[in-house]
Amino acid sequence: FIGRLSAGEEPKDRVAGSLACALDG
């Protein structure tokens, strides 16, 4: 869902979106 909300990045290129979710948590 991170890629779908962004620019369709492959899994290993979703670090920034993963960090955004982690910091919110």
mmCIF file of all heavy atoms, coordinates in Angstrom:
data_MODEL
# 
_entry.id   MODEL 
# 
loop_
_atom_site.group_PDB 
_atom_site.id 
_atom_site.type_symbol 
_atom_site.label_atom_id 
_atom_site.label_alt_id 
_atom_site.label_comp_id 
_atom_site.label_asym_id 
_atom_site.label_entity_id 
_atom_site.label_seq_id 
_atom_site.pdbx_PDB_ins_code 
_atom_site.Cartn_x 
_atom_site.Cartn_y 
_atom_site.Cartn_z 
_atom_site.occupancy 
_atom_site.B_iso_or_equiv 
_atom_site.pdbx_formal_charge 
_atom_site.auth_seq_id 
_atom_site.auth_comp_id 
_atom_site.auth_asym_id 
_atom_site.auth_atom_id 
_atom_site.pdbx_PDB_model_num 
ATOM 1   N N   . PHE A 1 1  ? 0.827  -1.204 0.000  1.00 0.00 ? 1  PHE A N   1 
ATOM 2   C CA  . PHE A 1 1  ? 0.000  0.000  0.000  1.00 0.00 ? 1  PHE A CA  1 
ATOM 3   C C   . PHE A 1 1  ? 0.865  1.259  0.000  1.00 0.00 ? 1  PHE A C   1 
ATOM 4   O O   . PHE A 1 1  ? 0.436  2.315  -0.471 1.00 0.00 ? 1  PHE A O   1 
ATOM 5   C CB  . PHE A 1 1  ? -0.985 -0.010 1.172  1.00 0.00 ? 1  PHE A CB  1 
ATOM 6   C CG  . PHE A 1 1  ? -0.445 0.495  2.474  1.00 0.00 ? 1  PHE A CG  1 
ATOM 7   C CD1 . PHE A 1 1  ? -0.649 1.802  2.870  1.00 0.00 ? 1  PHE A CD1 1 
ATOM 8   C CD2 . PHE A 1 1  ? 0.280  -0.342 3.311  1.00 0.00 ? 1  PHE A CD2 1 
ATOM 9   C CE1 . PHE A 1 1  ? -0.154 2.276  4.075  1.00 0.00 ? 1  PHE A CE1 1 
ATOM 10  C CE2 . PHE A 1 1  ? 0.777  0.117  4.517  1.00 0.00 ? 1  PHE A CE2 1 
ATOM 11  C CZ  . PHE A 1 1  ? 0.560  1.426  4.897  1.00 0.00 ? 1  PHE A CZ  1 
ATOM 12  N N   . ILE A 1 2  ? 2.103  1.158  0.513  1.00 0.00 ? 2  ILE A N   1 
ATOM 13  C CA  . ILE A 1 2  ? 3.005  2.308  0.488  1.00 0.00 ? 2  ILE A CA  1 
ATOM 14  C C   . ILE A 1 2  ? 3.319  2.686  -0.952 1.00 0.00 ? 2  ILE A C   1 
ATOM 15  O O   . ILE A 1 2  ? 3.244  3.862  -1.341 1.00 0.00 ? 2  ILE A O   1 
ATOM 16  C CB  . ILE A 1 2  ? 4.299  2.002  1.270  1.00 0.00 ? 2  ILE A CB  1 
ATOM 17  C CG1 . ILE A 1 2  ? 3.975  1.796  2.755  1.00 0.00 ? 2  ILE A CG1 1 
ATOM 18  C CG2 . ILE A 1 2  ? 5.323  3.130  1.089  1.00 0.00 ? 2  ILE A CG2 1 
ATOM 19  C CD1 . ILE A 1 2  ? 5.160  1.320  3.577  1.00 0.00 ? 2  ILE A CD1 1 
ATOM 20  N N   . GLY A 1 3  ? 3.643  1.692  -1.766 1.00 0.00 ? 3  GLY A N   1 
ATOM 21  C CA  . GLY A 1 3  ? 3.907  1.964  -3.172 1.00 0.00 ? 3  GLY A CA  1 
ATOM 22  C C   . GLY A 1 3  ? 2.682  2.471  -3.901 1.00 0.00 ? 3  GLY A C   1 
ATOM 23  O O   . GLY A 1 3  ? 2.771  3.360  -4.763 1.00 0.00 ? 3  GLY A O   1 
ATOM 24  N N   . ARG A 1 4  ? 1.524  1.924  -3.565 1.00 0.00 ? 4  ARG A N   1 
ATOM 25  C CA  . ARG A 1 4  ? 0.292  2.346  -4.239 1.00 0.00 ? 4  ARG A CA  1 
ATOM 26  C C   . ARG A 1 4  ? -0.088 3.776  -3.893 1.00 0.00 ? 4  ARG A C   1 
ATOM 27  O O   . ARG A 1 4  ? -0.670 4.489  -4.712 1.00 0.00 ? 4  ARG A O   1 
ATOM 28  C CB  . ARG A 1 4  ? -0.842 1.389  -3.880 1.00 0.00 ? 4  ARG A CB  1 
ATOM 29  C CG  . ARG A 1 4  ? -0.658 -0.006 -4.474 1.00 0.00 ? 4  ARG A CG  1 
ATOM 30  C CD  . ARG A 1 4  ? -1.689 -0.974 -3.966 1.00 0.00 ? 4  ARG A CD  1 
ATOM 31  N NE  . ARG A 1 4  ? -1.403 -2.339 -4.436 1.00 0.00 ? 4  ARG A NE  1 
ATOM 32  C CZ  . ARG A 1 4  ? -1.945 -3.428 -3.913 1.00 0.00 ? 4  ARG A CZ  1 
ATOM 33  N NH1 . ARG A 1 4  ? -2.779 -3.329 -2.882 1.00 0.00 ? 4  ARG A NH1 1 
ATOM 34  N NH2 . ARG A 1 4  ? -1.630 -4.612 -4.389 1.00 0.00 ? 4  ARG A NH2 1 
ATOM 35  N N   . LEU A 1 5  ? 0.244  4.203  -2.687 1.00 0.00 ? 5  LEU A N   1 
ATOM 36  C CA  . LEU A 1 5  ? -0.031 5.585  -2.289 1.00 0.00 ? 5  LEU A CA  1 
ATOM 37  C C   . LEU A 1 5  ? 1.030  6.550  -2.799 1.00 0.00 ? 5  LEU A C   1 
ATOM 38  O O   . LEU A 1 5  ? 0.824  7.762  -2.792 1.00 0.00 ? 5  LEU A O   1 
ATOM 39  C CB  . LEU A 1 5  ? -0.107 5.692  -0.763 1.00 0.00 ? 5  LEU A CB  1 
ATOM 40  C CG  . LEU A 1 5  ? -1.358 5.108  -0.104 1.00 0.00 ? 5  LEU A CG  1 
ATOM 41  C CD1 . LEU A 1 5  ? -1.181 5.067  1.404  1.00 0.00 ? 5  LEU A CD1 1 
ATOM 42  C CD2 . LEU A 1 5  ? -2.596 5.911  -0.473 1.00 0.00 ? 5  LEU A CD2 1 
ATOM 43  N N   . SER A 1 6  ? 2.157  6.016  -3.229 1.00 0.00 ? 6  SER A N   1 
ATOM 44  C CA  . SER A 1 6  ? 3.262  6.857  -3.673 1.00 0.00 ? 6  SER A CA  1 
ATOM 45  C C   . SER A 1 6  ? 3.404  6.755  -5.187 1.00 0.00 ? 6  SER A C   1 
ATOM 46  O O   . SER A 1 6  ? 2.472  7.083  -5.918 1.00 0.00 ? 6  SER A O   1 
ATOM 47  C CB  . SER A 1 6  ? 4.545  6.426  -2.942 1.00 0.00 ? 6  SER A CB  1 
ATOM 48  O OG  . SER A 1 6  ? 5.619  7.265  -3.286 1.00 0.00 ? 6  SER A OG  1 
ATOM 49  N N   . ALA A 1 7  ? 4.547  6.277  -5.662 1.00 0.00 ? 7  ALA A N   1 
ATOM 50  C CA  . ALA A 1 7  ? 4.801  6.259  -7.106 1.00 0.00 ? 7  ALA A CA  1 
ATOM 51  C C   . ALA A 1 7  ? 5.009  4.851  -7.636 1.00 0.00 ? 7  ALA A C   1 
ATOM 52  O O   . ALA A 1 7  ? 5.669  4.659  -8.649 1.00 0.00 ? 7  ALA A O   1 
ATOM 53  C CB  . ALA A 1 7  ? 6.027  7.113  -7.416 1.00 0.00 ? 7  ALA A CB  1 
ATOM 54  N N   . GLY A 1 8  ? 4.445  3.864  -6.930 1.00 0.00 ? 8  GLY A N   1 
ATOM 55  C CA  . GLY A 1 8  ? 4.542  2.483  -7.381 1.00 0.00 ? 8  GLY A CA  1 
ATOM 56  C C   . GLY A 1 8  ? 5.899  1.850  -7.171 1.00 0.00 ? 8  GLY A C   1 
ATOM 57  O O   . GLY A 1 8  ? 6.273  0.916  -7.885 1.00 0.00 ? 8  GLY A O   1 
ATOM 58  N N   . GLU A 1 9  ? 6.646  2.316  -6.178 1.00 0.00 ? 9  GLU A N   1 
ATOM 59  C CA  . GLU A 1 9  ? 7.988  1.802  -5.943 1.00 0.00 ? 9  GLU A CA  1 
ATOM 60  C C   . GLU A 1 9  ? 7.984  0.301  -5.623 1.00 0.00 ? 9  GLU A C   1 
ATOM 61  O O   . GLU A 1 9  ? 7.041  -0.224 -5.036 1.00 0.00 ? 9  GLU A O   1 
ATOM 62  C CB  . GLU A 1 9  ? 8.659  2.541  -4.767 1.00 0.00 ? 9  GLU A CB  1 
ATOM 63  C CG  . GLU A 1 9  ? 8.874  4.018  -5.004 1.00 0.00 ? 9  GLU A CG  1 
ATOM 64  C CD  . GLU A 1 9  ? 7.706  4.877  -4.573 1.00 0.00 ? 9  GLU A CD  1 
ATOM 65  O OE1 . GLU A 1 9  ? 6.618  4.307  -4.296 1.00 0.00 ? 9  GLU A OE1 1 
ATOM 66  O OE2 . GLU A 1 9  ? 7.861  6.111  -4.531 1.00 0.00 ? 9  GLU A OE2 1 
ATOM 67  N N   . GLU A 1 10 ? 9.082  -0.369 -5.965 1.00 0.00 ? 10 GLU A N   1 
ATOM 68  C CA  . GLU A 1 10 ? 9.286  -1.766 -5.603 1.00 0.00 ? 10 GLU A CA  1 
ATOM 69  C C   . GLU A 1 10 ? 9.539  -1.850 -4.095 1.00 0.00 ? 10 GLU A C   1 
ATOM 70  O O   . GLU A 1 10 ? 9.931  -0.861 -3.459 1.00 0.00 ? 10 GLU A O   1 
ATOM 71  C CB  . GLU A 1 10 ? 10.465 -2.349 -6.376 1.00 0.00 ? 10 GLU A CB  1 
ATOM 72  C CG  . GLU A 1 10 ? 10.204 -2.499 -7.866 1.00 0.00 ? 10 GLU A CG  1 
ATOM 73  C CD  . GLU A 1 10 ? 9.027  -3.422 -8.146 1.00 0.00 ? 10 GLU A CD  1 
ATOM 74  O OE1 . GLU A 1 10 ? 9.003  -4.548 -7.599 1.00 0.00 ? 10 GLU A OE1 1 
ATOM 75  O OE2 . GLU A 1 10 ? 8.124  -3.012 -8.898 1.00 0.00 ? 10 GLU A OE2 1 
ATOM 76  N N   . PRO A 1 11 ? 9.336  -3.047 -3.484 1.00 0.00 ? 11 PRO A N   1 
ATOM 77  C CA  . PRO A 1 11 ? 9.429  -3.158 -2.022 1.00 0.00 ? 11 PRO A CA  1 
ATOM 78  C C   . PRO A 1 11 ? 10.684 -2.547 -1.405 1.00 0.00 ? 11 PRO A C   1 
ATOM 79  O O   . PRO A 1 11 ? 10.594 -1.820 -0.407 1.00 0.00 ? 11 PRO A O   1 
ATOM 80  C CB  . PRO A 1 11 ? 9.361  -4.670 -1.795 1.00 0.00 ? 11 PRO A CB  1 
ATOM 81  C CG  . PRO A 1 11 ? 8.496  -5.157 -2.902 1.00 0.00 ? 11 PRO A CG  1 
ATOM 82  C CD  . PRO A 1 11 ? 8.871  -4.314 -4.089 1.00 0.00 ? 11 PRO A CD  1 
ATOM 83  N N   . LYS A 1 12 ? 11.854 -2.809 -1.957 1.00 0.00 ? 12 LYS A N   1 
ATOM 84  C CA  . LYS A 1 12 ? 13.084 -2.313 -1.334 1.00 0.00 ? 12 LYS A CA  1 
ATOM 85  C C   . LYS A 1 12 ? 13.272 -0.808 -1.503 1.00 0.00 ? 12 LYS A C   1 
ATOM 86  O O   . LYS A 1 12 ? 14.187 -0.225 -0.906 1.00 0.00 ? 12 LYS A O   1 
ATOM 87  C CB  . LYS A 1 12 ? 14.282 -3.085 -1.881 1.00 0.00 ? 12 LYS A CB  1 
ATOM 88  C CG  . LYS A 1 12 ? 14.285 -4.549 -1.426 1.00 0.00 ? 12 LYS A CG  1 
ATOM 89  C CD  . LYS A 1 12 ? 15.495 -5.321 -1.923 1.00 0.00 ? 12 LYS A CD  1 
ATOM 90  C CE  . LYS A 1 12 ? 15.439 -6.771 -1.459 1.00 0.00 ? 12 LYS A CE  1 
ATOM 91  N NZ  . LYS A 1 12 ? 16.601 -7.562 -1.921 1.00 0.00 ? 12 LYS A NZ  1 
ATOM 92  N N   . ASP A 1 13 ? 12.402 -0.176 -2.275 1.00 0.00 ? 13 ASP A N   1 
ATOM 93  C CA  . ASP A 1 13 ? 12.453 1.279  -2.443 1.00 0.00 ? 13 ASP A CA  1 
ATOM 94  C C   . ASP A 1 13 ? 11.352 1.992  -1.657 1.00 0.00 ? 13 ASP A C   1 
ATOM 95  O O   . ASP A 1 13 ? 11.046 3.159  -1.934 1.00 0.00 ? 13 ASP A O   1 
ATOM 96  C CB  . ASP A 1 13 ? 12.334 1.637  -3.931 1.00 0.00 ? 13 ASP A CB  1 
ATOM 97  C CG  . ASP A 1 13 ? 13.522 1.147  -4.747 1.00 0.00 ? 13 ASP A CG  1 
ATOM 98  O OD1 . ASP A 1 13 ? 14.656 1.221  -4.226 1.00 0.00 ? 13 ASP A OD1 1 
ATOM 99  O OD2 . ASP A 1 13 ? 13.327 0.679  -5.883 1.00 0.00 ? 13 ASP A OD2 1 
ATOM 100 N N   . ARG A 1 14 ? 10.772 1.307  -0.681 1.00 0.00 ? 14 ARG A N   1 
ATOM 101 C CA  . ARG A 1 14 ? 9.689  1.887  0.128  1.00 0.00 ? 14 ARG A CA  1 
ATOM 102 C C   . ARG A 1 14 ? 10.154 2.247  1.540  1.00 0.00 ? 14 ARG A C   1 
ATOM 103 O O   . ARG A 1 14 ? 9.352  2.294  2.477  1.00 0.00 ? 14 ARG A O   1 
ATOM 104 C CB  . ARG A 1 14 ? 8.512  0.912  0.198  1.00 0.00 ? 14 ARG A CB  1 
ATOM 105 C CG  . ARG A 1 14 ? 7.885  0.587  -1.159 1.00 0.00 ? 14 ARG A CG  1 
ATOM 106 C CD  . ARG A 1 14 ? 6.868  -0.525 -1.049 1.00 0.00 ? 14 ARG A CD  1 
ATOM 107 N NE  . ARG A 1 14 ? 6.421  -0.974 -2.374 1.00 0.00 ? 14 ARG A NE  1 
ATOM 108 C CZ  . ARG A 1 14 ? 5.851  -2.156 -2.616 1.00 0.00 ? 14 ARG A CZ  1 
ATOM 109 N NH1 . ARG A 1 14 ? 5.644  -3.000 -1.612 1.00 0.00 ? 14 ARG A NH1 1 
ATOM 110 N NH2 . ARG A 1 14 ? 5.490  -2.482 -3.836 1.00 0.00 ? 14 ARG A NH2 1 
ATOM 111 N N   . VAL A 1 15 ? 11.436 2.510  1.701  1.00 0.00 ? 15 VAL A N   1 
ATOM 112 C CA  . VAL A 1 15 ? 11.974 2.788  3.037  1.00 0.00 ? 15 VAL A CA  1 
ATOM 113 C C   . VAL A 1 15 ? 11.372 4.066  3.615  1.00 0.00 ? 15 VAL A C   1 
ATOM 114 O O   . VAL A 1 15 ? 10.958 4.097  4.781  1.00 0.00 ? 15 VAL A O   1 
ATOM 115 C CB  . VAL A 1 15 ? 13.509 2.887  2.999  1.00 0.00 ? 15 VAL A CB  1 
ATOM 116 C CG1 . VAL A 1 15 ? 14.051 3.181  4.400  1.00 0.00 ? 15 VAL A CG1 1 
ATOM 117 C CG2 . VAL A 1 15 ? 14.112 1.595  2.464  1.00 0.00 ? 15 VAL A CG2 1 
ATOM 118 N N   . ALA A 1 16 ? 11.309 5.123  2.826  1.00 0.00 ? 16 ALA A N   1 
ATOM 119 C CA  . ALA A 1 16 ? 10.804 6.400  3.344  1.00 0.00 ? 16 ALA A CA  1 
ATOM 120 C C   . ALA A 1 16 ? 9.361  6.268  3.817  1.00 0.00 ? 16 ALA A C   1 
ATOM 121 O O   . ALA A 1 16 ? 8.998  6.762  4.897  1.00 0.00 ? 16 ALA A O   1 
ATOM 122 C CB  . ALA A 1 16 ? 10.921 7.480  2.274  1.00 0.00 ? 16 ALA A CB  1 
ATOM 123 N N   . GLY A 1 17 ? 8.533  5.621  3.027  1.00 0.00 ? 17 GLY A N   1 
ATOM 124 C CA  . GLY A 1 17 ? 7.147  5.428  3.435  1.00 0.00 ? 17 GLY A CA  1 
ATOM 125 C C   . GLY A 1 17 ? 7.037  4.554  4.671  1.00 0.00 ? 17 GLY A C   1 
ATOM 126 O O   . GLY A 1 17 ? 6.189  4.787  5.547  1.00 0.00 ? 17 GLY A O   1 
ATOM 127 N N   . SER A 1 18 ? 7.891  3.551  4.778  1.00 0.00 ? 18 SER A N   1 
ATOM 128 C CA  . SER A 1 18 ? 7.904  2.688  5.966  1.00 0.00 ? 18 SER A CA  1 
ATOM 129 C C   . SER A 1 18 ? 8.269  3.486  7.206  1.00 0.00 ? 18 SER A C   1 
ATOM 130 O O   . SER A 1 18 ? 7.666  3.318  8.277  1.00 0.00 ? 18 SER A O   1 
ATOM 131 C CB  . SER A 1 18 ? 8.905  1.540  5.773  1.00 0.00 ? 18 SER A CB  1 
ATOM 132 O OG  . SER A 1 18 ? 8.595  0.762  4.638  1.00 0.00 ? 18 SER A OG  1 
ATOM 133 N N   . LEU A 1 19 ? 9.255  4.379  7.073  1.00 0.00 ? 19 LEU A N   1 
ATOM 134 C CA  . LEU A 1 19 ? 9.664  5.206  8.211  1.00 0.00 ? 19 LEU A CA  1 
ATOM 135 C C   . LEU A 1 19 ? 8.564  6.174  8.617  1.00 0.00 ? 19 LEU A C   1 
ATOM 136 O O   . LEU A 1 19 ? 8.368  6.444  9.812  1.00 0.00 ? 19 LEU A O   1 
ATOM 137 C CB  . LEU A 1 19 ? 10.941 5.963  7.869  1.00 0.00 ? 19 LEU A CB  1 
ATOM 138 C CG  . LEU A 1 19 ? 12.212 5.130  7.703  1.00 0.00 ? 19 LEU A CG  1 
ATOM 139 C CD1 . LEU A 1 19 ? 13.374 6.016  7.292  1.00 0.00 ? 19 LEU A CD1 1 
ATOM 140 C CD2 . LEU A 1 19 ? 12.536 4.375  8.980  1.00 0.00 ? 19 LEU A CD2 1 
ATOM 141 N N   . ALA A 1 20 ? 7.842  6.712  7.647  1.00 0.00 ? 20 ALA A N   1 
ATOM 142 C CA  . ALA A 1 20 ? 6.735  7.621  7.973  1.00 0.00 ? 20 ALA A CA  1 
ATOM 143 C C   . ALA A 1 20 ? 5.702  6.908  8.838  1.00 0.00 ? 20 ALA A C   1 
ATOM 144 O O   . ALA A 1 20 ? 5.205  7.458  9.828  1.00 0.00 ? 20 ALA A O   1 
ATOM 145 C CB  . ALA A 1 20 ? 6.090  8.141  6.685  1.00 0.00 ? 20 ALA A CB  1 
ATOM 146 N N   . CYS A 1 21 ? 5.386  5.671  8.467  1.00 0.00 ? 21 CYS A N   1 
ATOM 147 C CA  . CYS A 1 21 ? 4.417  4.891  9.253  1.00 0.00 ? 21 CYS A CA  1 
ATOM 148 C C   . CYS A 1 21 ? 4.966  4.566  10.639 1.00 0.00 ? 21 CYS A C   1 
ATOM 149 O O   . CYS A 1 21 ? 4.243  4.624  11.642 1.00 0.00 ? 21 CYS A O   1 
ATOM 150 C CB  . CYS A 1 21 ? 4.063  3.604  8.522  1.00 0.00 ? 21 CYS A CB  1 
ATOM 151 S SG  . CYS A 1 21 ? 3.155  3.826  6.984  1.00 0.00 ? 21 CYS A SG  1 
ATOM 152 N N   . ALA A 1 22 ? 6.246  4.201  10.709 1.00 0.00 ? 22 ALA A N   1 
ATOM 153 C CA  . ALA A 1 22 ? 6.844  3.850  12.000 1.00 0.00 ? 22 ALA A CA  1 
ATOM 154 C C   . ALA A 1 22 ? 6.851  5.048  12.943 1.00 0.00 ? 22 ALA A C   1 
ATOM 155 O O   . ALA A 1 22 ? 6.522  4.921  14.133 1.00 0.00 ? 22 ALA A O   1 
ATOM 156 C CB  . ALA A 1 22 ? 8.261  3.321  11.792 1.00 0.00 ? 22 ALA A CB  1 
ATOM 157 N N   . LEU A 1 23 ? 7.227  6.215  12.441 1.00 0.00 ? 23 LEU A N   1 
ATOM 158 C CA  . LEU A 1 23 ? 7.262  7.403  13.304 1.00 0.00 ? 23 LEU A CA  1 
ATOM 159 C C   . LEU A 1 23 ? 5.865  7.780  13.783 1.00 0.00 ? 23 LEU A C   1 
ATOM 160 O O   . LEU A 1 23 ? 5.682  8.199  14.932 1.00 0.00 ? 23 LEU A O   1 
ATOM 161 C CB  . LEU A 1 23 ? 7.907  8.570  12.562 1.00 0.00 ? 23 LEU A CB  1 
ATOM 162 C CG  . LEU A 1 23 ? 9.426  8.450  12.378 1.00 0.00 ? 23 LEU A CG  1 
ATOM 163 C CD1 . LEU A 1 23 ? 9.930  9.527  11.429 1.00 0.00 ? 23 LEU A CD1 1 
ATOM 164 C CD2 . LEU A 1 23 ? 10.137 8.528  13.721 1.00 0.00 ? 23 LEU A CD2 1 
ATOM 165 N N   . ASP A 1 24 ? 4.866  7.618  12.914 1.00 0.00 ? 24 ASP A N   1 
ATOM 166 C CA  . ASP A 1 24 ? 3.496  7.889  13.329 1.00 0.00 ? 24 ASP A CA  1 
ATOM 167 C C   . ASP A 1 24 ? 3.079  6.919  14.428 1.00 0.00 ? 24 ASP A C   1 
ATOM 168 O O   . ASP A 1 24 ? 2.444  7.308  15.415 1.00 0.00 ? 24 ASP A O   1 
ATOM 169 C CB  . ASP A 1 24 ? 2.557  7.781  12.131 1.00 0.00 ? 24 ASP A CB  1 
ATOM 170 C CG  . ASP A 1 24 ? 1.125  8.116  12.498 1.00 0.00 ? 24 ASP A CG  1 
ATOM 171 O OD1 . ASP A 1 24 ? 0.846  9.279  12.820 1.00 0.00 ? 24 ASP A OD1 1 
ATOM 172 O OD2 . ASP A 1 24 ? 0.275  7.188  12.472 1.00 0.00 ? 24 ASP A OD2 1 
ATOM 173 N N   . GLY A 1 25 ? 3.455  5.653  14.280 1.00 0.00 ? 25 GLY A N   1 
ATOM 174 C CA  . GLY A 1 25 ? 3.146  4.673  15.318 1.00 0.00 ? 25 GLY A CA  1 
ATOM 175 C C   . GLY A 1 25 ? 3.845  4.987  16.623 1.00 0.00 ? 25 GLY A C   1 
ATOM 176 O O   . GLY A 1 25 ? 3.260  4.847  17.705 1.00 0.00 ? 25 GLY A O   1 
# 
